[in-house]
């Protein structure tokens, strides 16, 4: 729909609407080939700090399972991730600032 660079800008802006790049999955689809990946790449700023949010990778796998027609497995993983968020046990990017409306309040930051 757009150039690669503009696509990156749009993906980053949309990611901010749902909690950040740590939670946004990605899929590249073709008639014959598909691949699924987290949107954030390597995220070198926090490399080696035991802080990375695995949600983007997990949700990318959910997209892959749905693409393959494994809807029950995808739903089980989605439900588990939802329960984890509801428990308030989250990574630093989702628990960061209590004044931020997009963060999860009364949360415990995990590594």
Protein backbone atom coordinates (compact mmCIF):
# COMPACT_ATOMS: atom_id res chain seq x y z
CA UNK A 1 0.00 0.00 0.00
CA UNK A 2 2.98 2.29 0.62
CA UNK A 3 6.76 2.42 0.43
CA UNK A 4 8.83 0.41 2.89
CA UNK A 5 9.97 3.51 4.80
CA UNK A 6 6.46 4.94 5.08
CA UNK A 7 5.22 1.50 6.07
CA UNK A 8 7.71 1.53 8.95
CA UNK A 9 6.44 4.95 10.05
CA UNK A 10 2.81 3.81 9.89
CA UNK A 11 3.58 0.60 11.79
CA UNK A 12 5.33 2.54 14.56
CA UNK A 13 2.45 5.00 14.87
CA UNK A 14 -0.10 2.18 15.02
CA UNK A 15 2.03 0.30 17.54
CA UNK A 16 1.87 3.30 19.86
CA UNK A 17 -1.93 3.05 19.83
CA UNK A 18 -1.93 -0.48 21.29
CA UNK A 19 0.82 -0.30 23.87
CA UNK A 20 4.04 0.05 21.91
CA UNK A 21 6.29 -1.99 19.67
CA UNK A 22 6.78 -4.62 22.38
CA UNK A 23 3.23 -5.85 21.87
CA UNK A 24 2.59 -5.36 18.13
CA UNK A 25 2.79 -8.47 15.91
CA UNK A 26 3.55 -8.35 12.20
CA UNK A 27 2.78 -10.49 9.18
CA UNK A 28 3.87 -10.33 5.57
CA UNK A 29 1.44 -12.25 3.39
CA UNK A 30 1.55 -13.39 -0.21
CA UNK A 31 -0.64 -15.88 -2.07
CA UNK A 32 1.98 -18.60 -1.59
CA UNK A 33 4.29 -17.42 1.19
CA UNK A 34 3.85 -15.80 4.59
CA UNK A 35 6.17 -14.89 7.41
CA UNK A 36 5.49 -13.55 10.85
CA UNK A 37 7.75 -11.48 13.09
CA UNK A 38 7.76 -8.97 15.94
CA UNK A 39 7.69 -5.36 14.79
CA UNK A 40 10.46 -4.15 17.05
CA UNK A 41 13.41 -6.08 15.64
CA UNK A 42 16.39 -6.45 17.96
CA UNK A 43 15.63 -3.47 20.23
CA UNK A 44 19.31 -2.96 21.05
CA UNK A 45 18.62 -0.23 23.62
CA UNK A 46 17.65 -2.90 26.17
CA UNK A 47 19.79 -5.79 24.91
CA UNK A 48 21.32 -7.81 27.74
CA UNK A 49 19.18 -6.13 30.42
CA UNK A 50 16.59 -8.93 30.77
CA UNK A 51 13.77 -6.48 30.01
CA UNK A 52 12.45 -7.49 26.59
CA UNK A 53 8.71 -7.87 26.16
CA UNK A 54 8.04 -11.18 24.35
CA UNK A 55 4.41 -10.28 23.53
CA UNK A 56 5.15 -9.18 19.96
CA UNK A 57 6.84 -12.51 19.22
CA UNK A 58 4.04 -14.45 20.91
CA UNK A 59 1.31 -12.56 19.03
CA UNK A 60 3.19 -13.01 15.75
CA UNK A 61 3.08 -16.75 16.41
CA UNK A 62 -0.67 -16.43 17.06
CA UNK A 63 -1.07 -14.79 13.63
CA UNK A 64 0.88 -17.67 12.10
CA UNK A 65 -1.30 -20.27 13.81
CA UNK A 66 -4.45 -18.52 12.57
CA UNK A 67 -3.00 -18.36 9.06
CA UNK A 68 -2.38 -22.12 9.24
CA UNK A 69 -5.95 -22.73 10.43
CA UNK A 70 -4.92 -23.73 13.95
CA UNK A 71 -7.49 -21.44 15.53
CA UNK A 72 -7.89 -23.39 18.78
CA UNK A 73 -4.16 -23.24 19.54
CA UNK A 74 -4.12 -19.52 18.69
CA UNK A 75 -7.05 -18.85 21.02
CA UNK A 76 -5.40 -20.71 23.90
CA UNK A 77 -2.30 -18.56 23.57
CA UNK A 78 -4.33 -15.34 23.26
CA UNK A 79 -6.31 -16.23 26.39
CA UNK A 80 -3.12 -17.00 28.34
CA UNK A 81 -1.59 -13.67 27.32
CA UNK A 82 -4.79 -11.83 28.27
CA UNK A 83 -4.81 -13.45 31.71
CA UNK A 84 -1.16 -12.50 32.19
CA UNK A 85 -1.95 -8.86 31.42
CA UNK A 86 -4.99 -8.93 33.72
CA UNK A 87 -2.84 -10.27 36.56
CA UNK A 88 -0.73 -7.11 36.32
CA UNK A 89 2.53 -9.02 35.93
CA UNK A 90 4.09 -7.27 32.94
CA UNK A 91 7.36 -6.07 31.48
CA UNK A 92 8.73 -2.58 32.12
CA UNK A 93 7.29 -1.05 28.94
CA UNK A 94 3.71 -1.86 29.97
CA UNK A 95 4.13 -0.91 33.63
CA UNK A 96 6.34 2.13 33.16
CA UNK A 97 4.46 5.18 34.42
CA UNK A 98 1.43 5.08 36.65
CA UNK A 99 0.26 8.43 35.22
CA UNK A 100 0.36 7.07 31.66
CA UNK A 101 -3.13 5.99 30.57
CA UNK A 102 -1.71 3.29 28.30
CA UNK A 103 0.22 1.51 31.05
CA UNK A 104 -1.17 -1.17 33.33
CA UNK A 105 -1.80 0.27 36.78
CA UNK A 106 -0.97 -1.54 40.03
CA UNK A 107 1.34 -3.82 38.14
CA UNK A 108 4.40 -5.84 39.01
CA UNK A 109 7.34 -5.43 36.66
CA UNK A 110 8.86 -8.72 35.60
CA UNK A 111 12.04 -9.53 33.73
